[in-house]
Structures are given as C-alpha cells and as structure tokens.
Amino acid sequence: MRHFGHISPTVRKDLFHQEPAEFTGASPSRVLAAALGATLYSPATRPTLAADIRKQAGRGVVSMVLCLEDSISDGDVTGAEENLVRHFCELDTDGGELPLLFIRVRTPEQIPDLVRRLGGSVRRLAGFVLPKFDEKRGIAFLEAVAEAEAIAGVPRLYAMPVLETPDLLHLETRVEALAGISRTVNNHRERVLALRLGVTDFCSAYGLRRTPDMTAYDVQIVAGVIADVVNVLSRADGTGFTVTGPVWEYFRSQQRLFKPQLRRSPFLEEGVEELRTALIEHDLDGLLREIELDRANGLLGKTCIHPAHVTPVHALSVVSHEEFCDAQDILRPERGGGGVMRSAYTNKMNEVKPHRAWAERTMLRAEVFGVAKEEVGFVDLLTAGLQV
C-alpha cells in the first residue's frame, strides 16, 4: 500500500517531486508508525464491515480501527465480536489489498480470545488499540498482546495504547502517571507502534466539548496534557514514540460563531474557491488548522471518525518542496560538523545541529507521504484526493 495510491499514476506524477513509497505490514515499525496517517475508526457492529473496509481502502485509507469499546453499547459487545470475526474471515477469503487493521478492545482478556476465534484470518490483523491505558492496565494489556502473538504464530502484533485516563489529566497525578506509562511502554518497545491521545475523555472529565471553531489547542487544559505527553514520551533522542493527533469532532449542523479560519489566498485560482466553500460548510477549516498545530506540537497522524477527514489529513502530511530542500541541506554528510546556512529558498536560516532532528523526521515523513512539486500546494493535493 502507499499514500495517494488510490489516485492515478499520471496525477501522482504531476503532484509529486518524490512519490510516497510503498509499505506493507512487514515494514519497519518506524515506517509504519509514520505512515498511519488518518486512522479511521469504525464500530465493529457495522453489518457491511468488510465491504466498508474495502471501500475505504479504495479511497486512500491506510489504517483503520474496528472498535469494540466506546463506539458501541455494552449490550452489543458479544454481537460485535461475532460480526468482526465473520467479516475478517470474509476479507481473508476475498484477498486484495487492505489497510492496516487494528481492533480496539475493552479488556486484556478479549485479545487472545479474539485471536483464537479469528483463526487463519488473523494474518489480516495488524494489532490492537488499548483504551484507558495506564501502568497497571497497560501491563496486562501488553502481556495479552504478546500472548496473542504467540497463539497466532505471526511475526508481530502491534499495540497502540490510548492515553485518556483522569490521572493523566489531573495535575497532582500527571507526573507519576506519565512515568508509569513510560516504564510500561519502554518494556514493550518493540511492540508499541504509536501512542494515541483520547482528548474526548480529557474534555469529559471537566464537562467540556470543543466546537468546530476551536482546536484541541484552544482548550488549555487539554493543550497542557498534550504538551506533557510529548515532553515525556516523544523525545527526538531515540527514546521517544510516535504520538498521534486527537480526534476531530465534527458538528456540521452547529451554527458558526467565529469567522472561517481558512485564508482565501491559497484558493484564489479559478474553480478552487468552490473547494474552500465546501470545506467551510463541512466545518473542516478547523480540522486543517488543528492538523497544522498537531505537527507544530510534535504529533504525527490523526484519529478520524469520518471518511471526509482522511484526505485533508493526508494532504497536509505531504512534505512541501521547501521543507524537503531544507531537510536535505541539513543532512548532507559534509555538514556533519555543524554550522549554519541560508536556506535554498533564501527565506530562513538552517542551523545544522539544532535542526537535525527536525530534518530526520521530515525525511521519514517524505518517505511515506511523498514530497510535493515546487508549485504544488495542499489545495492541489486536497483536490486530487477528493475527486477520486
């Protein structure tokens, strides 16, 4: 699979200076973690689950979570498990390219049980999403994933813990909670693909719910937790993990209180103003702003609950030609001793040692999402993705 693989080779050639690379579930974990992109959640109760997964794969989705937790009622769990197992078997029988598929469970005990019931179709499973992850629950969850991996006889089943518990949010317990999570995930580093943020649960603890006009970073109590999670768990010194962006809650019918955040200037070409209008009408201008703030704050990828969110996330994950040139210059072997230089675009300073970690992360993103041509911007990428 590859990002933007659902659009034609001719269109990709027009868009990309360097096209996104192909990857599989067997690719190195650092590549898979960067390549998750917009991870689309779907309740495991959907009666057309297999067909839905294939449809989304055809629209550019490369990672999906089939949810047995908060998206379904307590009384539907047994039926949802049966539905999930049945549709996994259908997917395995039909063959074909699928997204990376994860199951979001409720309890550790579900993990080995589901793997046994999946039988040979477990080969289609990338791993599990572990909710309400803290040190105590996390140990049980990760041990269950290791057990399931042995039962399945597959090279690897990945885990994606969700950080969303009140002790992580509350100031008086946050430091110890983060330390405990750090100890737990470091003991299973080879199995933990990425860490996900449960911002909806954070807001719930204080009776908050952000509107389409506000990002997670406008809710200061949430922004503080995100900063601390990145501080402890996503350092660029080789000890950090990929942390993905929070879910975007979509309220299409709610009255807009603030003026649109999308600037008109990127949309001034003929016909493209219609795209800007459509994005604003669907309250996606706030999503675009939040994606940019995710990256500025050290997050990569995003939890998504609606297919309409996937293309904007991926379009804004593509490395610009300017970013690519800067990263290339910083990482040139002859620059190993450090120093400072004017950027190729002559609009900024590139300082080799301080900017090296940024350049390395940028080149990894360039590998999985590609590099846009010099004249290509996110509007072009959005338009191409949305027309499929």
Protein backbone atom coordinates (compact mmCIF):
# COMPACT_ATOMS: atom_id res chain seq x y z
CA MET A 1 0.00 0.00 0.00
CA ARG A 2 1.02 3.62 -0.34
CA HIS A 3 -0.43 7.02 0.40
CA PHE A 4 -2.22 8.54 -2.59
CA GLY A 5 -2.07 5.12 -4.23
CA HIS A 6 -5.79 5.48 -4.99
CA ILE A 7 -5.17 8.28 -7.48
CA SER A 8 -3.83 7.59 -10.96
CA PRO A 9 -0.06 7.36 -11.63
CA THR A 10 -0.41 10.24 -14.10
CA VAL A 11 -1.90 12.53 -11.48
CA ARG A 12 0.70 11.47 -8.89
CA LYS A 13 3.45 12.29 -11.36
CA ASP A 14 2.05 15.80 -11.74
CA LEU A 15 1.81 16.32 -7.97
CA PHE A 16 4.95 14.82 -6.52
CA HIS A 17 8.63 15.66 -6.71
CA GLN A 18 9.15 12.39 -4.80
CA GLU A 19 6.20 9.99 -4.73
CA PRO A 20 5.16 8.23 -1.50
CA ALA A 21 6.93 4.91 -1.04
CA GLU A 22 5.12 1.61 -0.84
CA PHE A 23 4.97 -0.18 2.51
CA THR A 24 3.43 -3.33 3.98
CA GLY A 25 2.54 -4.61 7.43
CA ALA A 26 6.02 -6.15 7.49
CA SER A 27 7.79 -2.80 7.00
CA PRO A 28 9.94 -1.48 9.87
CA SER A 29 7.89 -0.16 12.77
CA ARG A 30 9.33 3.35 12.42
CA VAL A 31 7.97 3.45 8.86
CA LEU A 32 4.56 2.07 9.84
CA ALA A 33 4.23 4.50 12.76
CA ALA A 34 4.89 7.44 10.44
CA ALA A 35 2.64 6.02 7.73
CA LEU A 36 -0.52 5.56 9.85
CA GLY A 37 -1.87 8.90 8.64
CA ALA A 38 -5.58 9.37 9.20
CA THR A 39 -6.58 6.31 11.23
CA LEU A 40 -10.28 5.82 10.58
CA TYR A 41 -12.39 4.37 13.39
CA SER A 42 -15.44 2.22 12.67
CA PRO A 43 -17.81 0.46 15.09
CA ALA A 44 -17.37 -3.31 14.84
CA THR A 45 -21.18 -3.66 14.75
CA ARG A 46 -21.49 -2.46 11.15
CA PRO A 47 -23.33 -5.12 9.13
CA THR A 48 -21.28 -4.34 5.99
CA LEU A 49 -17.94 -4.13 7.78
CA ALA A 50 -15.85 -5.99 5.18
CA ALA A 51 -17.32 -4.01 2.29
CA ASP A 52 -16.80 -0.76 4.23
CA ILE A 53 -13.14 -1.60 4.78
CA ARG A 54 -12.58 -2.38 1.11
CA LYS A 55 -14.39 0.84 0.09
CA GLN A 56 -12.26 2.98 2.38
CA ALA A 57 -9.09 1.31 1.12
CA GLY A 58 -10.13 2.40 -2.36
CA ARG A 59 -10.45 5.98 -1.11
CA GLY A 60 -6.94 6.19 0.30
CA VAL A 61 -7.35 4.95 3.90
CA VAL A 62 -4.25 3.04 5.02
CA SER A 63 -5.11 2.38 8.68
CA MET A 64 -8.41 1.55 10.38
CA VAL A 65 -9.56 0.69 13.90
CA LEU A 66 -12.53 -1.61 14.36
CA CYS A 67 -13.97 -0.59 17.69
CA LEU A 68 -15.41 -2.83 20.40
CA GLU A 69 -15.20 -0.13 23.06
CA ASP A 70 -16.83 3.29 23.44
CA SER A 71 -18.41 3.43 19.97
CA ILE A 72 -20.80 0.58 20.81
CA SER A 73 -23.11 -0.06 23.74
CA ASP A 74 -22.25 -2.53 26.50
CA GLY A 75 -25.01 -4.87 25.38
CA ASP A 76 -23.67 -5.08 21.82
CA VAL A 77 -20.18 -6.39 22.61
CA THR A 78 -20.87 -10.09 22.04
CA GLY A 79 -22.62 -9.46 18.74
CA ALA A 80 -19.90 -7.05 17.65
CA GLU A 81 -17.20 -9.65 18.31
CA GLU A 82 -19.07 -12.22 16.26
CA ASN A 83 -19.60 -9.70 13.46
CA LEU A 84 -15.93 -8.74 13.47
CA VAL A 85 -14.71 -12.34 13.30
CA ARG A 86 -17.14 -13.16 10.48
CA HIS A 87 -16.09 -10.17 8.38
CA PHE A 88 -12.38 -10.78 8.97
CA CYS A 89 -12.86 -14.26 7.51
CA GLU A 90 -14.63 -12.70 4.52
CA LEU A 91 -11.76 -10.26 3.97
CA ASP A 92 -9.22 -13.06 4.18
CA THR A 93 -11.14 -15.18 1.69
CA ASP A 94 -11.55 -12.37 -0.82
CA GLY A 95 -7.91 -11.32 -0.66
CA GLY A 96 -6.84 -7.96 -2.04
CA GLU A 97 -5.01 -5.03 -0.50
CA LEU A 98 -6.37 -3.83 2.82
CA PRO A 99 -5.49 -1.04 5.23
CA LEU A 100 -3.58 -1.80 8.41
CA LEU A 101 -6.38 -3.16 10.60
CA PHE A 102 -6.46 -2.79 14.39
CA ILE A 103 -9.08 -3.90 16.91
CA ARG A 104 -9.94 -1.65 19.81
CA VAL A 105 -10.78 -3.91 22.73
CA ARG A 106 -12.23 -3.29 26.18
CA THR A 107 -10.29 -5.79 28.31
CA PRO A 108 -7.00 -7.69 28.07
CA GLU A 109 -8.88 -10.99 28.06
CA GLN A 110 -10.52 -10.16 24.75
CA ILE A 111 -7.18 -10.07 22.93
CA PRO A 112 -6.11 -13.76 22.99
CA ASP A 113 -9.75 -14.84 22.76
CA LEU A 114 -10.30 -12.88 19.55
CA VAL A 115 -7.07 -14.15 18.03
CA ARG A 116 -8.16 -17.76 18.64
CA ARG A 117 -11.53 -17.07 17.04
CA LEU A 118 -10.02 -15.31 14.04
CA GLY A 119 -8.05 -18.41 13.09
CA GLY A 120 -6.13 -18.02 9.85
CA SER A 121 -7.68 -14.63 9.11
CA VAL A 122 -5.54 -13.17 11.91
CA ARG A 123 -2.93 -12.60 9.18
CA ARG A 124 -5.08 -9.60 8.19
CA LEU A 125 -4.73 -8.08 11.67
CA ALA A 126 -2.03 -5.50 12.39
CA GLY A 127 -2.66 -5.25 16.13
CA PHE A 128 -4.79 -3.85 18.93
CA VAL A 129 -5.74 -0.45 20.29
CA LEU A 130 -5.59 -0.44 24.10
CA PRO A 131 -8.01 2.01 25.77
CA LYS A 132 -7.64 3.90 29.04
CA PHE A 133 -4.01 2.92 29.23
CA ASP A 134 -2.13 3.41 32.48
CA GLU A 135 0.70 1.49 34.13
CA LYS A 136 -1.45 -1.17 35.81
CA ARG A 137 -3.86 -1.82 32.94
CA GLY A 138 -1.08 -1.36 30.43
CA ILE A 139 1.00 -4.24 31.73
CA ALA A 140 -1.97 -6.61 31.48
CA PHE A 141 -2.86 -5.34 28.01
CA LEU A 142 0.66 -5.64 26.60
CA GLU A 143 1.17 -9.09 28.08
CA ALA A 144 -2.10 -10.14 26.44
CA VAL A 145 -0.85 -8.86 23.07
CA ALA A 146 2.36 -10.87 23.49
CA GLU A 147 0.29 -13.96 24.33
CA ALA A 148 -1.94 -13.41 21.31
CA GLU A 149 1.08 -13.06 19.06
CA ALA A 150 2.35 -16.46 20.22
CA ILE A 151 -1.09 -18.01 19.67
CA ALA A 152 -1.39 -16.51 16.19
CA GLY A 153 2.11 -17.55 15.14
CA VAL A 154 2.64 -14.26 13.31
CA PRO A 155 5.84 -12.19 13.35
CA ARG A 156 4.26 -9.24 15.15
CA LEU A 157 1.01 -7.89 16.52
CA TYR A 158 1.35 -4.21 17.34
CA ALA A 159 -0.20 -2.29 20.22
CA MET A 160 -1.41 1.30 20.18
CA PRO A 161 -2.18 2.49 23.73
CA VAL A 162 -4.72 5.28 24.14
CA LEU A 163 -3.74 7.86 26.77
CA GLU A 164 -7.03 9.15 28.19
CA THR A 165 -7.29 8.41 31.92
CA PRO A 166 -8.11 11.07 34.56
CA ASP A 167 -4.82 10.56 36.41
CA LEU A 168 -3.03 11.73 33.28
CA LEU A 169 -5.24 14.81 33.11
CA HIS A 170 -5.19 15.81 36.79
CA LEU A 171 -2.20 17.94 37.65
CA GLU A 172 -1.44 16.29 41.01
CA THR A 173 -1.14 12.79 39.46
CA ARG A 174 0.16 13.59 35.98
CA VAL A 175 3.89 13.25 36.60
CA GLU A 176 3.63 9.79 38.16
CA ALA A 177 1.06 8.68 35.58
CA LEU A 178 3.39 9.65 32.74
CA ALA A 179 6.33 7.98 34.47
CA GLY A 180 4.32 4.77 34.85
CA ILE A 181 3.22 4.80 31.22
CA SER A 182 6.80 5.42 30.16
CA ARG A 183 8.06 2.45 32.17
CA THR A 184 5.38 0.19 30.71
CA VAL A 185 5.76 1.07 27.03
CA ASN A 186 9.55 1.02 27.23
CA ASN A 187 9.41 -2.56 28.50
CA HIS A 188 7.48 -3.45 25.32
CA ARG A 189 9.12 -1.01 22.92
CA GLU A 190 9.29 -3.45 20.01
CA ARG A 191 5.51 -3.98 20.21
CA VAL A 192 4.25 -0.41 20.75
CA LEU A 193 3.68 1.15 17.35
CA ALA A 194 2.31 4.53 18.43
CA LEU A 195 0.58 6.29 21.30
CA ARG A 196 -2.86 7.79 20.74
CA LEU A 197 -4.49 10.66 22.66
CA GLY A 198 -8.04 10.40 23.98
CA VAL A 199 -8.92 14.08 24.02
CA THR A 200 -12.67 13.40 24.17
CA ASP A 201 -12.15 11.65 27.51
CA PHE A 202 -9.96 14.52 28.73
CA CYS A 203 -12.72 17.00 27.94
CA SER A 204 -15.31 14.74 29.54
CA ALA A 205 -13.55 14.90 32.89
CA TYR A 206 -14.37 18.63 33.04
CA GLY A 207 -17.68 18.60 31.19
CA LEU A 208 -16.13 20.25 28.10
CA ARG A 209 -16.75 19.78 24.39
CA ARG A 210 -14.99 21.92 21.82
CA THR A 211 -16.84 23.43 18.88
CA PRO A 212 -15.83 23.26 15.18
CA ASP A 213 -14.35 26.75 15.53
CA MET A 214 -11.84 25.59 18.16
CA THR A 215 -8.96 23.15 18.07
CA ALA A 216 -7.78 20.95 20.91
CA TYR A 217 -5.05 23.52 21.50
CA ASP A 218 -7.61 26.21 22.26
CA VAL A 219 -8.79 24.13 25.24
CA GLN A 220 -5.94 24.97 27.56
CA ILE A 221 -6.41 22.10 29.97
CA VAL A 222 -6.12 19.68 27.03
CA ALA A 223 -3.22 21.53 25.42
CA GLY A 224 -1.27 21.21 28.66
CA VAL A 225 -1.67 17.43 28.71
CA ILE A 226 -0.63 17.12 25.06
CA ALA A 227 2.49 19.14 25.77
CA ASP A 228 3.42 16.96 28.74
CA VAL A 229 2.81 13.71 26.85
CA VAL A 230 5.10 14.87 24.05
CA ASN A 231 7.64 16.10 26.61
CA VAL A 232 7.94 12.70 28.30
CA LEU A 233 7.06 10.19 25.60
CA SER A 234 8.01 11.66 22.20
CA ARG A 235 11.53 12.98 22.56
CA ALA A 236 13.74 13.06 19.48
CA ASP A 237 16.73 11.47 21.22
CA GLY A 238 15.85 7.91 20.24
CA THR A 239 13.76 7.20 23.35
CA GLY A 240 10.50 8.67 22.05
CA PHE A 241 7.41 7.14 20.45
CA THR A 242 5.16 8.45 17.70
CA VAL A 243 2.20 10.26 19.28
CA THR A 244 -0.82 10.72 17.03
CA GLY A 245 -3.16 13.70 16.90
CA PRO A 246 -6.52 13.75 18.69
CA VAL A 247 -9.83 13.01 17.08
CA TRP A 248 -11.63 15.84 15.29
CA GLU A 249 -15.26 16.05 16.39
CA TYR A 250 -17.46 17.11 13.51
CA PHE A 251 -20.57 19.18 14.13
CA ARG A 252 -21.85 20.10 10.67
CA SER A 253 -25.22 21.46 11.73
CA GLN A 254 -23.99 23.69 14.54
CA GLN A 255 -24.12 27.44 13.95
CA ARG A 256 -20.74 29.00 13.27
CA LEU A 257 -19.74 31.57 15.90
CA PHE A 258 -16.41 32.75 14.51
CA LYS A 259 -15.36 33.73 11.02
CA PRO A 260 -13.75 30.99 8.88
CA GLN A 261 -10.10 30.24 9.61
CA LEU A 262 -9.19 29.23 6.04
CA ARG A 263 -7.33 32.05 4.34
CA ARG A 264 -8.60 32.89 0.86
CA SER A 265 -5.15 33.29 -0.72
CA PRO A 266 -4.36 29.56 -1.33
CA PHE A 267 -7.74 29.16 -3.03
CA LEU A 268 -7.74 32.08 -5.46
CA GLU A 269 -7.13 30.02 -8.60
CA GLU A 270 -10.11 29.59 -10.88
CA GLY A 271 -12.55 26.98 -9.57
CA VAL A 272 -10.71 26.31 -6.34
CA GLU A 273 -12.76 28.81 -4.34
CA GLU A 274 -15.54 26.21 -4.52
CA LEU A 275 -13.35 23.78 -2.59
CA ARG A 276 -12.77 26.38 0.12
CA THR A 277 -16.50 26.96 0.41
CA ALA A 278 -17.18 23.23 0.65
CA LEU A 279 -14.57 22.80 3.37
CA ILE A 280 -16.00 25.66 5.41
CA GLU A 281 -19.56 24.36 5.02
CA HIS A 282 -18.43 20.98 6.34
CA ASP A 283 -16.57 22.61 9.26
CA LEU A 284 -13.25 21.23 8.02
CA ASP A 285 -11.38 24.53 8.17
CA GLY A 286 -10.89 23.96 11.91
CA LEU A 287 -9.61 20.47 11.18
CA LEU A 288 -6.98 21.83 8.81
CA ARG A 289 -5.80 24.28 11.45
CA GLU A 290 -5.66 21.54 14.10
CA ILE A 291 -3.58 19.29 11.82
CA GLU A 292 -1.02 22.06 11.42
CA LEU A 293 -0.97 22.58 15.19
CA ASP A 294 -0.58 18.83 15.73
CA ARG A 295 2.62 18.83 13.71
CA ALA A 296 3.89 22.02 15.32
CA ASN A 297 3.45 20.34 18.71
CA GLY A 298 5.21 17.09 17.77
CA LEU A 299 2.28 14.85 16.74
CA LEU A 300 2.02 12.81 13.55
CA GLY A 301 -1.12 11.21 12.12
CA LYS A 302 -4.63 11.64 13.47
CA THR A 303 -7.59 9.70 14.81
CA CYS A 304 -10.57 10.16 12.47
CA ILE A 305 -14.22 9.23 12.88
CA HIS A 306 -15.47 10.34 9.47
CA PRO A 307 -14.14 9.43 5.99
CA ALA A 308 -14.29 13.09 4.96
CA HIS A 309 -11.41 13.81 7.34
CA VAL A 310 -8.95 11.40 5.71
CA THR A 311 -7.93 13.35 2.62
CA PRO A 312 -7.28 16.65 4.48
CA VAL A 313 -5.06 14.82 6.99
CA HIS A 314 -3.06 13.15 4.23
CA ALA A 315 -2.83 16.27 2.07
CA LEU A 316 -1.34 18.24 4.94
CA SER A 317 1.06 15.40 5.78
CA VAL A 318 2.84 15.64 2.42
CA VAL A 319 6.24 17.30 2.74
CA SER A 320 6.49 20.56 0.85
CA HIS A 321 9.31 21.06 -1.62
CA GLU A 322 10.71 23.80 0.61
CA GLU A 323 10.74 21.56 3.70
CA PHE A 324 12.42 18.81 1.68
CA CYS A 325 15.16 21.11 0.41
CA ASP A 326 15.86 22.36 3.94
CA ALA A 327 16.00 18.82 5.35
CA GLN A 328 18.28 17.63 2.56
CA ASP A 329 20.69 20.51 3.10
CA ILE A 330 20.82 19.96 6.86
CA LEU A 331 21.53 16.23 6.49
CA ARG A 332 24.25 16.42 3.87
CA PRO A 333 27.27 14.35 5.03
CA GLU A 334 29.63 17.29 4.66
CA ARG A 335 27.51 19.20 7.20
CA GLY A 336 28.24 16.67 9.97
CA GLY A 337 30.38 19.16 11.86
CA GLY A 338 27.54 21.65 12.18
CA GLY A 339 27.31 25.22 11.00
CA VAL A 340 24.63 27.49 9.65
CA MET A 341 23.48 28.24 6.09
CA ARG A 342 20.88 30.20 4.21
CA SER A 343 18.01 28.00 3.02
CA ALA A 344 17.63 27.09 -0.66
CA TYR A 345 14.51 29.27 -0.70
CA THR A 346 16.60 32.13 0.79
CA ASN A 347 13.97 32.90 3.43
CA LYS A 348 15.33 31.33 6.60
CA MET A 349 18.37 30.13 8.50
CA ASN A 350 19.15 26.41 8.65
CA GLU A 351 21.34 25.58 11.63
CA VAL A 352 22.66 22.04 11.19
CA LYS A 353 22.87 20.70 14.73
CA PRO A 354 19.68 22.18 16.26
CA HIS A 355 17.61 21.40 13.16
CA ARG A 356 18.95 17.88 12.56
CA ALA A 357 16.22 16.01 14.48
CA TRP A 358 13.56 18.01 12.62
CA ALA A 359 15.24 17.16 9.31
CA GLU A 360 15.34 13.44 10.12
CA ARG A 361 11.64 13.41 11.00
CA THR A 362 10.85 15.37 7.85
CA MET A 363 12.70 12.89 5.65
CA LEU A 364 10.80 9.99 7.24
CA ARG A 365 7.53 11.79 6.52
CA ALA A 366 8.76 12.44 2.98
CA GLU A 367 9.34 8.72 2.54
CA VAL A 368 5.79 7.70 3.43
CA PHE A 369 3.76 10.74 2.30
CA GLY A 370 5.94 11.97 -0.54
CA VAL A 371 7.29 15.41 -1.47
CA ALA A 372 5.16 17.85 -3.42
CA LYS A 373 6.49 19.54 -6.51
CA GLU A 374 7.66 23.10 -6.03
CA GLU A 375 4.48 24.64 -7.42
CA VAL A 376 2.10 22.15 -5.76
CA GLY A 377 0.35 23.09 -2.52
CA PHE A 378 -2.08 21.40 -0.18
CA VAL A 379 -5.07 22.66 -2.17
CA ASP A 380 -3.84 20.71 -5.21
CA LEU A 381 -3.37 17.59 -3.09
CA LEU A 382 -6.80 18.03 -1.47
CA THR A 383 -8.47 18.48 -4.84
CA ALA A 384 -6.81 15.39 -6.33
CA GLY A 385 -7.75 13.25 -3.35
CA LEU A 386 -11.32 14.45 -3.16
CA GLN A 387 -12.00 13.89 -6.86
CA VAL A 388 -11.44 10.12 -6.57
